[in-house]
Protein backbone atom coordinates (compact mmCIF):
# COMPACT_ATOMS: atom_id res chain seq x y z
CA UNK A 1 129.45 94.16 26.81
CA UNK A 2 126.82 95.65 24.46
CA UNK A 3 125.31 97.83 27.22
CA UNK A 4 126.85 100.11 29.78
CA UNK A 5 124.49 99.97 32.78
CA UNK A 6 124.32 102.69 35.44
CA UNK A 7 122.17 102.27 38.56
CA UNK A 8 120.13 105.26 39.71
CA UNK A 9 119.19 106.36 43.24
CA UNK A 10 115.88 104.48 42.88
CA UNK A 11 116.23 100.75 43.45
CA UNK A 12 115.86 98.84 40.21
CA UNK A 13 115.80 101.84 37.85
CA UNK A 14 118.71 101.53 35.42
CA UNK A 15 120.22 103.67 32.69
CA UNK A 16 121.34 101.59 29.72
CA UNK A 17 123.71 102.95 27.11
CA UNK A 18 124.04 100.63 24.12
CA UNK A 19 127.31 100.22 22.28
CA UNK A 20 126.96 102.27 19.11
CA UNK A 21 129.03 101.58 16.01
CA UNK A 22 129.34 104.64 13.80
CA UNK A 23 131.28 105.86 10.83
CA UNK A 24 130.84 108.27 7.92
CA UNK A 25 127.85 106.21 6.68
CA UNK A 26 125.86 106.53 9.91
CA UNK A 27 125.49 104.22 12.90
CA UNK A 28 124.27 100.81 14.04
CA UNK A 29 123.37 99.43 17.45
CA UNK A 30 121.24 96.67 18.88
CA UNK A 31 118.44 98.47 20.68
CA UNK A 32 117.48 95.24 22.45
CA UNK A 33 118.93 91.77 22.78
CA UNK A 34 117.35 89.57 25.49
CA UNK A 35 120.53 87.64 26.27
CA UNK A 36 122.68 90.78 26.52
CA UNK A 37 120.00 92.63 28.52
CA UNK A 38 119.88 89.77 31.06
CA UNK A 39 123.67 89.58 31.26
CA UNK A 40 124.08 93.35 31.70
CA UNK A 41 121.23 93.89 34.17
CA UNK A 42 120.80 90.54 35.90
CA UNK A 43 117.11 90.67 34.90
CA UNK A 44 115.21 87.98 33.05
CA UNK A 45 112.41 90.10 31.59
CA UNK A 46 109.89 88.91 29.08
CA UNK A 47 108.52 91.73 26.98
CA UNK A 48 105.02 91.25 25.58
CA UNK A 49 104.17 94.59 24.00
CA UNK A 50 105.96 97.41 22.16
CA UNK A 51 104.45 100.91 22.15
CA UNK A 52 105.36 103.88 19.97
CA UNK A 53 104.12 107.45 20.43
CA UNK A 54 104.79 110.76 18.73
CA UNK A 55 104.26 114.01 20.58
CA UNK A 56 104.84 117.72 20.02
CA UNK A 57 107.03 119.95 22.14
CA UNK A 58 105.52 120.61 25.55
CA UNK A 59 103.41 117.45 25.68
CA UNK A 60 103.66 115.86 29.10
CA UNK A 61 102.48 112.27 29.30
CA UNK A 62 102.08 110.72 32.73
CA UNK A 63 102.68 109.90 35.39
CA UNK A 64 101.11 106.53 34.54
CA UNK A 65 101.00 103.13 36.24
CA UNK A 66 98.72 100.10 36.46
CA UNK A 67 97.29 99.01 39.83
CA UNK A 68 97.06 95.42 38.59
CA UNK A 69 99.16 93.86 35.86
CA UNK A 70 102.04 96.24 36.64
CA UNK A 71 104.37 96.87 33.73
CA UNK A 72 108.13 97.00 33.66
CA UNK A 73 109.21 99.32 30.86
CA UNK A 74 112.32 99.68 28.75
CA UNK A 75 112.02 103.15 27.21
CA UNK A 76 113.92 105.09 24.56
CA UNK A 77 113.57 107.94 22.07
CA UNK A 78 114.12 107.49 18.32
CA UNK A 79 113.48 111.09 17.25
CA UNK A 80 113.87 114.26 19.30
CA UNK A 81 114.31 114.49 23.07
CA UNK A 82 112.29 114.07 26.25
CA UNK A 83 112.81 114.47 29.96
CA UNK A 84 111.86 111.03 31.24
CA UNK A 85 110.76 110.43 34.85
CA UNK A 86 110.19 107.41 37.08
CA UNK A 87 108.51 107.77 40.50
CA UNK A 88 108.78 105.03 43.10
CA UNK A 89 105.26 104.21 44.30
CA UNK A 90 106.19 100.87 45.91
CA UNK A 91 105.06 101.40 49.51
CA UNK A 92 107.64 98.99 50.96
CA UNK A 93 110.51 100.63 49.08
CA UNK A 94 113.13 102.70 50.87
CA UNK A 95 112.82 105.24 48.02
CA UNK A 96 108.98 105.44 48.10
CA UNK A 97 107.83 108.83 46.80
CA UNK A 98 111.19 109.69 45.24
CA UNK A 99 111.76 110.38 41.56
CA UNK A 100 114.52 110.07 39.02
CA UNK A 101 114.68 111.83 35.68
CA UNK A 102 117.03 112.18 32.75
CA UNK A 103 117.10 113.26 29.14
CA UNK A 104 116.48 110.53 26.61
CA UNK A 105 117.14 111.52 23.02
CA UNK A 106 117.72 110.14 19.57
CA UNK A 107 121.19 111.63 19.85
CA UNK A 108 122.28 110.12 23.19
CA UNK A 109 120.52 106.77 22.53
CA UNK A 110 120.16 106.15 26.27
CA UNK A 111 117.46 103.82 27.51
CA UNK A 112 115.81 103.65 30.91
CA UNK A 113 114.65 100.46 32.60
CA UNK A 114 111.68 101.15 34.88
CA UNK A 115 110.70 98.12 36.94
CA UNK A 116 107.15 97.13 37.85
CA UNK A 117 105.62 99.27 40.59
CA UNK A 118 106.77 102.69 39.44
CA UNK A 119 104.87 105.55 37.85
CA UNK A 120 106.31 106.85 34.59
CA UNK A 121 106.02 109.97 32.48
CA UNK A 122 107.88 112.22 30.11
CA UNK A 123 107.97 115.80 28.83
CA UNK A 124 108.84 116.48 25.19
CA UNK A 125 111.61 119.10 25.11
CA UNK A 126 112.39 119.06 21.37
CA UNK A 127 110.11 120.25 18.55
CA UNK A 128 108.63 116.74 18.51
CA UNK A 129 109.67 113.33 19.78
CA UNK A 130 109.02 109.70 19.00
CA UNK A 131 109.06 107.51 22.08
CA UNK A 132 109.32 103.70 22.05
CA UNK A 133 108.91 101.36 24.96
CA UNK A 134 108.75 97.67 25.63
CA UNK A 135 106.49 96.42 28.43
CA UNK A 136 106.52 93.27 30.54
CA UNK A 137 102.73 93.15 30.76
CA UNK A 138 99.85 94.05 28.50
CA UNK A 139 98.03 97.36 28.75
CA UNK A 140 94.84 97.07 30.80
CA UNK A 141 92.95 100.38 30.59
CA UNK A 142 90.69 99.45 33.49
CA UNK A 143 93.76 99.25 35.77
CA UNK A 144 95.59 102.34 34.50
CA UNK A 145 95.99 105.21 36.91
CA UNK A 146 97.73 108.58 36.82
CA UNK A 147 99.66 110.42 39.46
CA UNK A 148 99.68 114.23 39.37
CA UNK A 149 102.71 115.35 37.35
CA UNK A 150 103.45 118.33 39.60
CA UNK A 151 102.61 116.80 43.01
CA UNK A 152 104.50 119.04 45.48
CA UNK A 153 105.11 116.07 47.79
CA UNK A 154 107.20 114.45 45.05
CA UNK A 155 108.75 117.67 43.72
CA UNK A 156 109.80 116.65 40.23
CA UNK A 157 112.09 119.28 38.73
CA UNK A 158 110.62 119.26 35.22
CA UNK A 159 112.68 121.39 32.77
CA UNK A 160 109.76 123.74 32.09
CA UNK A 161 112.23 126.53 31.27
CA UNK A 162 112.78 124.77 27.92
CA UNK A 163 109.15 125.38 26.93
CA UNK A 164 107.50 128.51 25.58
CA UNK A 165 104.16 127.67 27.23
CA UNK A 166 102.67 125.49 29.96
CA UNK A 167 102.86 121.72 29.41
CA UNK A 168 100.11 120.12 27.32
CA UNK A 169 98.32 117.42 29.30
CA UNK A 170 95.54 114.92 28.77
CA UNK A 171 92.56 115.58 31.05
CA UNK A 172 93.27 112.41 33.05
CA UNK A 173 96.81 113.64 33.76
CA UNK A 174 95.84 117.24 34.53
CA UNK A 175 93.25 116.03 37.06
CA UNK A 176 95.21 113.10 38.50
CA UNK A 177 95.41 112.62 42.28
CA UNK A 178 98.52 113.28 44.33
CA UNK A 179 100.60 110.50 45.83
CA UNK A 180 98.81 110.82 49.17
CA UNK A 181 95.43 110.84 47.43
CA UNK A 182 96.17 107.92 45.08
CA UNK A 183 96.35 105.02 47.42
């Protein structure tokens, strides 16, 4: 099996660890293979867009979601490290309002599958990080929303102790509503 898949406490959120082949020359792994992804996860996802961002240490992006044209995301880091977070905002879900986070890094090569209906964000913990993600729907800026990154009702335990200053946020993220004020 090319992926080792670990479920998380949030229904549908999966940690994927690809099989990495390494030797003295370096390494090789398939970062995505549709057939193997479907076999390992039981999901038939069609990705329509790839996104790539680079951010400096302390940048916090998110928590983002789309109210229409929801996006499933397969996320990974190719340079540096981030603390990646998914928040369940599916009202009918038994884990509504709960979060899951883990370190994604170029070194650990882990990926996170975030199904449609969740908010997503990350904090760059290394000097810089390059973040890649595949989406199951196109970006629609008119439907994008943010959820407040430090909403006390959610209680995300961001690793702020790894930073020398407060997180750097876009205005839309710094002023985002809380979970109770979003819907």
